[in-house]
C-alpha atoms as a PDB file:
ATOM      1  CA  MET A   1       3.512 -32.062  -5.065  1.00  0.00           C
ATOM      2  CA  PRO A   2       2.317 -30.481  -1.794  1.00  0.00           C
ATOM      3  CA  VAL A   3      -1.247 -29.500  -1.429  1.00  0.00           C
ATOM      4  CA  LEU A   4      -1.980 -26.152   0.550  1.00  0.00           C
ATOM      5  CA  ILE A   5      -5.335 -24.268   1.317  1.00  0.00           C
ATOM      6  CA  LEU A   6      -5.587 -20.707   1.215  1.00  0.00           C
ATOM      7  CA  ASN A   7      -8.216 -18.700   3.118  1.00  0.00           C
ATOM      8  CA  ALA A   8      -8.710 -14.918   3.416  1.00  0.00           C
ATOM      9  CA  ILE A   9      -9.883 -13.654   6.406  1.00  0.00           C
ATOM     10  CA  PRO A  10     -10.796  -9.864   7.476  1.00  0.00           C
ATOM     11  CA  ALA A  11      -7.855  -8.280   9.493  1.00  0.00           C
ATOM     12  CA  THR A  12      -6.378  -4.941  10.113  1.00  0.00           C
ATOM     13  CA  ARG A  13      -3.076  -3.794  11.991  1.00  0.00           C
ATOM     14  CA  THR A  14      -2.345  -0.909  14.131  1.00  0.00           C
ATOM     15  CA  ILE A  15       1.201   0.216  14.744  1.00  0.00           C
ATOM     16  CA  GLY A  16       1.413   2.018  18.246  1.00  0.00           C
ATOM     17  CA  ARG A  17       4.196   3.402  20.497  1.00  0.00           C
ATOM     18  CA  TRP A  18       4.845  -0.092  21.945  1.00  0.00           C
ATOM     19  CA  GLY A  19       4.454  -2.115  18.800  1.00  0.00           C
ATOM     20  CA  ALA A  20       1.946  -3.683  16.490  1.00  0.00           C
ATOM     21  CA  SER A  21      -1.399  -5.155  17.053  1.00  0.00           C
ATOM     22  CA  THR A  22      -3.479  -7.030  14.466  1.00  0.00           C
ATOM     23  CA  LYS A  23      -7.256  -7.833  14.861  1.00  0.00           C
ATOM     24  CA  SER A  24      -8.613 -10.604  12.675  1.00  0.00           C
ATOM     25  CA  GLU A  25     -11.888 -12.460  12.326  1.00  0.00           C
ATOM     26  CA  ILE A  26     -10.542 -15.819  12.088  1.00  0.00           C
ATOM     27  CA  THR A  27     -13.801 -17.654  11.568  1.00  0.00           C
ATOM     28  CA  THR A  28     -14.687 -15.612   8.591  1.00  0.00           C
ATOM     29  CA  ASN A  29     -13.746 -16.366   5.128  1.00  0.00           C
ATOM     30  CA  LEU A  30     -14.342 -13.658   2.381  1.00  0.00           C
ATOM     31  CA  VAL A  31     -14.307 -16.117  -0.242  1.00  0.00           C
ATOM     32  CA  PRO A  32     -14.424 -19.877  -0.561  1.00  0.00           C
ATOM     33  CA  PRO A  33     -10.857 -21.133   0.539  1.00  0.00           C
ATOM     34  CA  ARG A  34      -8.619 -22.287  -2.399  1.00  0.00           C
ATOM     35  CA  ARG A  35      -6.635 -25.494  -2.688  1.00  0.00           C
ATOM     36  CA  ILE A  36      -3.364 -25.100  -4.488  1.00  0.00           C
ATOM     37  CA  THR A  37      -0.326 -27.241  -5.243  1.00  0.00           C
ATOM     38  CA  ALA A  38       3.195 -25.720  -4.755  1.00  0.00           C
ATOM     39  CA  ALA A  39       6.457 -27.423  -4.739  1.00  0.00           C
ATOM     40  CA  THR A  40       8.658 -24.284  -3.670  1.00  0.00           C
ATOM     41  CA  VAL A  41       8.164 -21.286  -1.370  1.00  0.00           C
ATOM     42  CA  PRO A  42       8.220 -18.753  -4.558  1.00  0.00           C
ATOM     43  CA  ASP A  43       5.363 -21.065  -5.935  1.00  0.00           C
ATOM     44  CA  VAL A  44       3.449 -20.461  -2.789  1.00  0.00           C
ATOM     45  CA  ALA A  45       4.008 -16.875  -2.752  1.00  0.00           C
ATOM     46  CA  ASN A  46       2.942 -16.242  -6.379  1.00  0.00           C
ATOM     47  CA  GLN A  47      -0.317 -18.196  -5.823  1.00  0.00           C
ATOM     48  CA  VAL A  48      -0.879 -16.141  -2.687  1.00  0.00           C
ATOM     49  CA  ILE A  49      -0.693 -13.064  -4.823  1.00  0.00           C
ATOM     50  CA  ALA A  50      -3.059 -14.573  -7.453  1.00  0.00           C
ATOM     51  CA  PHE A  51      -5.382 -15.581  -4.763  1.00  0.00           C
ATOM     52  CA  GLY A  52      -5.191 -12.032  -3.022  1.00  0.00           C
ATOM     53  CA  ARG A  53      -5.990 -10.483  -6.363  1.00  0.00           C
ATOM     54  CA  HIS A  54      -9.070 -12.562  -6.622  1.00  0.00           C
ATOM     55  CA  VAL A  55     -10.165 -11.795  -3.165  1.00  0.00           C
ATOM     56  CA  ALA A  56      -9.592  -7.994  -3.613  1.00  0.00           C
ATOM     57  CA  ALA A  57     -11.728  -7.924  -6.744  1.00  0.00           C
ATOM     58  CA  ALA A  58     -14.489  -9.701  -5.015  1.00  0.00           C
ATOM     59  CA  CYS A  59     -14.355  -7.863  -1.953  1.00  0.00           C
ATOM     60  CA  PRO A  60     -13.049  -4.259  -2.937  1.00  0.00           C
ATOM     61  CA  ARG A  61     -11.361  -2.081  -0.338  1.00  0.00           C
ATOM     62  CA  GLN A  62     -11.409  -5.155   2.203  1.00  0.00           C
ATOM     63  CA  SER A  63      -8.368  -5.261   4.502  1.00  0.00           C
ATOM     64  CA  PHE A  64      -7.532  -8.975   4.946  1.00  0.00           C
ATOM     65  CA  VAL A  65      -4.706 -11.430   5.399  1.00  0.00           C
ATOM     66  CA  VAL A  66      -4.381 -14.767   3.690  1.00  0.00           C
ATOM     67  CA  LEU A  67      -3.767 -17.842   5.618  1.00  0.00           C
ATOM     68  CA  ALA A  68      -1.679 -20.378   3.839  1.00  0.00           C
ATOM     69  CA  ARG A  69      -1.749 -23.795   5.479  1.00  0.00           C
ATOM     70  CA  MET A  70      -0.757 -27.461   4.581  1.00  0.00           C
ATOM     71  CA  ALA A  71      -3.667 -29.733   3.738  1.00  0.00           C
ATOM     72  CA  ARG A  72      -3.680 -32.718   6.185  1.00  0.00           C
ATOM     73  CA  GLY A  73      -0.948 -35.138   5.666  1.00  0.00           C
ATOM     74  CA  GLN A  74       1.045 -32.897   3.249  1.00  0.00           C
ATOM     75  CA  ARG A  75       4.748 -31.809   3.862  1.00  0.00           C
ATOM     76  CA  LYS A  76       5.775 -28.224   3.853  1.00  0.00           C
ATOM     77  CA  PRO A  77       8.009 -26.965   0.920  1.00  0.00           C
ATOM     78  CA  ARG A  78      11.738 -26.325   2.140  1.00  0.00           C
ATOM     79  CA  GLY A  79      11.882 -22.983   3.802  1.00  0.00           C
ATOM     80  CA  PHE A  80       8.236 -22.480   4.142  1.00  0.00           C
ATOM     81  CA  ASP A  81       8.150 -21.628   7.845  1.00  0.00           C
ATOM     82  CA  ALA A  82      11.169 -19.244   7.625  1.00  0.00           C
ATOM     83  CA  ALA A  83       9.371 -17.560   4.683  1.00  0.00           C
ATOM     84  CA  ALA A  84       6.121 -17.111   6.616  1.00  0.00           C
ATOM     85  CA  ARG A  85       8.325 -15.503   9.530  1.00  0.00           C
ATOM     86  CA  ALA A  86       9.868 -13.197   7.265  1.00  0.00           C
ATOM     87  CA  GLN A  87       6.425 -12.345   5.443  1.00  0.00           C
ATOM     88  CA  GLU A  88       7.858 -13.298   2.157  1.00  0.00           C
ATOM     89  CA  LEU A  89       4.683 -15.302   1.179  1.00  0.00           C
ATOM     90  CA  ASN A  90       2.666 -12.189   0.624  1.00  0.00           C
ATOM     91  CA  CYS A  91       0.039 -13.399   2.939  1.00  0.00           C
ATOM     92  CA  GLU A  92      -0.134  -9.662   4.405  1.00  0.00           C
ATOM     93  CA  SER A  93      -0.030  -7.698   1.165  1.00  0.00           C
ATOM     94  CA  TRP A  94      -3.760  -6.668   1.578  1.00  0.00           C
ATOM     95  CA  LEU A  95      -3.519  -5.912   5.247  1.00  0.00           C
ATOM     96  CA  HIS A  96      -4.328  -2.280   5.928  1.00  0.00           C
ATOM     97  CA  VAL A  97      -1.915  -0.707   8.518  1.00  0.00           C
ATOM     98  CA  ALA A  98      -2.852   2.397  10.548  1.00  0.00           C
ATOM     99  CA  LEU A  99      -0.628   4.467  12.786  1.00  0.00           C
ATOM    100  CA  GLU A 100      -2.134   4.923  16.207  1.00  0.00           C
ATOM    101  CA  GLN A 101      -0.168   8.266  16.381  1.00  0.00           C
ATOM    102  CA  ALA A 102      -0.141   9.907  12.907  1.00  0.00           C
ATOM    103  CA  VAL A 103       3.089  11.325  11.541  1.00  0.00           C
ATOM    104  CA  PRO A 104       2.370  14.990  12.204  1.00  0.00           C
ATOM    105  CA  HIS A 105       2.646  17.951   9.878  1.00  0.00           C
ATOM    106  CA  ALA A 106       2.776  21.633  10.916  1.00  0.00           C
ATOM    107  CA  ASP A 107       0.696  22.888   8.053  1.00  0.00           C
ATOM    108  CA  GLY A 108      -1.946  20.296   7.630  1.00  0.00           C
ATOM    109  CA  PRO A 109      -3.034  16.797   8.619  1.00  0.00           C
ATOM    110  CA  GLY A 110      -0.711  14.035   9.649  1.00  0.00           C
ATOM    111  CA  VAL A 111      -0.135  10.607   7.855  1.00  0.00           C
ATOM    112  CA  SER A 112      -2.261   7.932   9.319  1.00  0.00           C
ATOM    113  CA  SER A 113      -1.235   5.278   6.829  1.00  0.00           C
ATOM    114  CA  TRP A 114       1.336   5.193   4.234  1.00  0.00           C
ATOM    115  CA  GLY A 115      -0.212   2.278   2.418  1.00  0.00           C
ATOM    116  CA  SER A 116       1.527  -0.222   0.245  1.00  0.00           C
ATOM    117  CA  LYS A 117       1.356  -1.704  -3.269  1.00  0.00           C
ATOM    118  CA  PHE A 118      -2.015  -3.039  -2.653  1.00  0.00           C
ATOM    119  CA  THR A 119      -3.262  -0.914   0.513  1.00  0.00           C
ATOM    120  CA  PRO A 120      -4.473   2.743   0.273  1.00  0.00           C
ATOM    121  CA  PHE A 121      -2.577   5.982   1.647  1.00  0.00           C
ATOM    122  CA  CYS A 122      -4.415   7.883   4.149  1.00  0.00           C
ATOM    123  CA  LEU A 123      -4.202  11.365   5.882  1.00  0.00           C
ATOM    124  CA  GLU A 124      -5.437  11.907   9.396  1.00  0.00           C
ATOM    125  CA  GLY A 125      -8.982  12.843   9.595  1.00  0.00           C
ATOM    126  CA  HIS A 126      -9.644  11.952   5.872  1.00  0.00           C
ATOM    127  CA  ALA A 127     -10.817   8.826   4.043  1.00  0.00           C
ATOM    128  CA  PRO A 128      -8.207   6.382   2.477  1.00  0.00           C
ATOM    129  CA  VAL A 129      -7.429   7.457  -1.231  1.00  0.00           C
ATOM    130  CA  TRP A 130      -8.748   5.071  -3.826  1.00  0.00           C
ATOM    131  CA  PRO A 131      -8.130   5.302  -7.558  1.00  0.00           C
ATOM    132  CA  GLY A 132     -11.095   6.336  -9.613  1.00  0.00           C
ATOM    133  CA  ASP A 133     -11.433  10.390  -9.744  1.00  0.00           C
ATOM    134  CA  GLY A 134      -7.685  11.642  -9.824  1.00  0.00           C
ATOM    135  CA  PRO A 135      -5.991  12.696 -13.036  1.00  0.00           C
ATOM    136  CA  ALA A 136      -4.443   9.902 -15.233  1.00  0.00           C
ATOM    137  CA  TYR A 137      -0.930  11.228 -14.965  1.00  0.00           C
ATOM    138  CA  LEU A 138      -0.928  10.165 -11.267  1.00  0.00           C
ATOM    139  CA  GLU A 139      -1.629   6.484 -11.941  1.00  0.00           C
ATOM    140  CA  THR A 140       1.527   6.613 -14.236  1.00  0.00           C
ATOM    141  CA  ILE A 141       3.572   7.935 -11.437  1.00  0.00           C
ATOM    142  CA  ALA A 142       2.337   5.267  -9.179  1.00  0.00           C
ATOM    143  CA  GLN A 143       2.884   2.247 -11.299  1.00  0.00           C
ATOM    144  CA  ARG A 144       0.160   0.449  -9.887  1.00  0.00           C
ATOM    145  CA  SER A 145       1.072   1.049  -6.272  1.00  0.00           C
ATOM    146  CA  LEU A 146      -1.946   2.007  -4.520  1.00  0.00           C
ATOM    147  CA  GLY A 147      -0.175   3.565  -1.506  1.00  0.00           C
ATOM    148  CA  LEU A 148       1.965   5.681  -3.754  1.00  0.00           C
ATOM    149  CA  TYR A 149      -1.064   6.731  -5.908  1.00  0.00           C
ATOM    150  CA  GLY A 150      -2.624   8.147  -2.859  1.00  0.00           C
ATOM    151  CA  TRP A 151       0.404   9.998  -1.495  1.00  0.00           C
ATOM    152  CA  THR A 152       0.892  11.490  -5.121  1.00  0.00           C
ATOM    153  CA  ARG A 153      -2.681  12.660  -4.817  1.00  0.00           C
ATOM    154  CA  ALA A 154      -2.027  14.312  -1.571  1.00  0.00           C
ATOM    155  CA  VAL A 155       1.180  15.885  -3.096  1.00  0.00           C
ATOM    156  CA  ALA A 156      -0.758  17.182  -6.243  1.00  0.00           C
ATOM    157  CA  PHE A 157      -3.387  18.597  -3.942  1.00  0.00           C
ATOM    158  CA  ARG A 158      -1.078  20.609  -1.798  1.00  0.00           C
ATOM    159  CA  LEU A 159       0.830  21.725  -4.855  1.00  0.00           C
ATOM    160  CA  ALA A 160      -2.320  23.368  -6.227  1.00  0.00           C
ATOM    161  CA  GLN A 161      -2.765  25.017  -3.056  1.00  0.00           C
ATOM    162  CA  LEU A 162       0.694  26.485  -2.998  1.00  0.00           C
ATOM    163  CA  THR A 163       0.878  27.398  -6.682  1.00  0.00           C
ATOM    164  CA  GLY A 164      -2.777  28.422  -7.498  1.00  0.00           C
ATOM    165  CA  ARG A 165      -3.105  25.846 -10.349  1.00  0.00           C
ATOM    166  CA  GLU A 166      -3.474  22.233 -10.859  1.00  0.00           C
ATOM    167  CA  GLN A 167      -0.249  20.587 -12.190  1.00  0.00           C
ATOM    168  CA  ASP A 168       1.508  17.449 -12.906  1.00  0.00           C
ATOM    169  CA  PRO A 169       4.125  17.049  -9.937  1.00  0.00           C
ATOM    170  CA  ALA A 170       6.475  15.098 -12.435  1.00  0.00           C
ATOM    171  CA  GLN A 171       6.586  18.071 -14.753  1.00  0.00           C
ATOM    172  CA  THR A 172       8.887  19.762 -12.161  1.00  0.00           C
ATOM    173  CA  CYS A 173      10.137  16.779 -10.232  1.00  0.00           C
ATOM    174  CA  THR A 174      11.007  13.315 -11.746  1.00  0.00           C
ATOM    175  CA  GLN A 175       8.798  10.448 -11.225  1.00  0.00           C
ATOM    176  CA  ASP A 176      11.825   8.676  -9.810  1.00  0.00           C
ATOM    177  CA  ALA A 177      12.329  11.319  -7.218  1.00  0.00           C
ATOM    178  CA  LEU A 178       8.557  11.206  -6.135  1.00  0.00           C
ATOM    179  CA  ARG A 179       8.724   7.485  -5.724  1.00  0.00           C
ATOM    180  CA  ALA A 180      11.896   7.748  -3.746  1.00  0.00           C
ATOM    181  CA  ALA A 181      10.339  10.356  -1.513  1.00  0.00           C
ATOM    182  CA  TYR A 182       7.276   8.214  -0.896  1.00  0.00           C
ATOM    183  CA  ALA A 183       9.587   5.090  -0.133  1.00  0.00           C
ATOM    184  CA  ARG A 184      11.468   7.335   2.516  1.00  0.00           C
ATOM    185  CA  LYS A 185       8.021   8.358   3.950  1.00  0.00           C
ATOM    186  CA  LEU A 186       8.398  12.006   3.192  1.00  0.00           C
ATOM    187  CA  HIS A 187       5.125  13.878   4.244  1.00  0.00           C
ATOM    188  CA  PRO A 188       3.356  14.766   0.960  1.00  0.00           C
ATOM    189  CA  PHE A 189       2.925  18.290   1.952  1.00  0.00           C
ATOM    190  CA  ASP A 190       6.728  18.693   2.238  1.00  0.00           C
ATOM    191  CA  MET A 191       7.259  17.037  -1.047  1.00  0.00           C
ATOM    192  CA  ALA A 192       4.701  19.681  -2.472  1.00  0.00           C
ATOM    193  CA  THR A 193       6.497  22.439  -0.840  1.00  0.00           C
ATOM    194  CA  GLU A 194       9.914  21.366  -2.571  1.00  0.00           C
ATOM    195  CA  ILE A 195       8.221  21.036  -5.881  1.00  0.00           C
ATOM    196  CA  ALA A 196       6.826  24.463  -5.529  1.00  0.00           C
ATOM    197  CA  ALA A 197      10.123  25.919  -4.775  1.00  0.00           C
ATOM    198  CA  MET A 198      11.757  24.226  -7.678  1.00  0.00           C
ATOM    199  CA  ASP A 199       8.842  25.612  -9.932  1.00  0.00           C
ATOM    200  CA  ARG A 200       9.444  29.010  -8.773  1.00  0.00           C
ATOM    201  CA  VAL A 201      13.267  28.688  -9.670  1.00  0.00           C
ATOM    202  CA  ALA A 202      12.460  27.450 -12.980  1.00  0.00           C
ATOM    203  CA  ARG A 203      10.061  30.183 -13.781  1.00  0.00           C
ATOM    204  CA  SER A 204      12.232  32.749 -12.702  1.00  0.00           C
ATOM    205  CA  ALA A 205      15.016  31.528 -14.844  1.00  0.00           C
ATOM    206  CA  ALA A 206      12.856  31.348 -17.801  1.00  0.00           C
ATOM    207  CA  ALA A 207      11.509  34.851 -17.469  1.00  0.00           C
END
């Protein structure tokens, strides 16, 4: 069975007007390399995820990429190069991606990073949002997606400003609708405005 070596190196990516640029520290290993055996591309992808989780636990909040290379004398699994080009090996799952120009908003900070399942959401001028001090119901909505969690925290924060009280966004808007809004990259403040409007309508109908 083919033998591969996995390395995790610090790296960050910035998306600008003319494309994306990635900075990495190719000579730095965050943890000792791991040798794996994998007969197929899905095997490699699954083991990269397992290794990435190990690195993330050992180096919390670190942005990194996983390098998956064949050990000397080993043949690549069928489709390996194509999967790597298509980013199907999960090697960039923990790579933090920042926007050179934040997505603007007329009534607050823009979005400087949308995050992903394993990377945090961030508003311009603010620190990335990590789990730990937010209400538990937001983690339920996020379904273990770190980016969605941070986005939902921003929705809840803005919603509290608009309504004058803390509330679960999913009490007015469905969890599926929240996830869909994040997927289409709707600014969280716009989502909060929509929810506040729905809340007012519901309260008026109940009065």
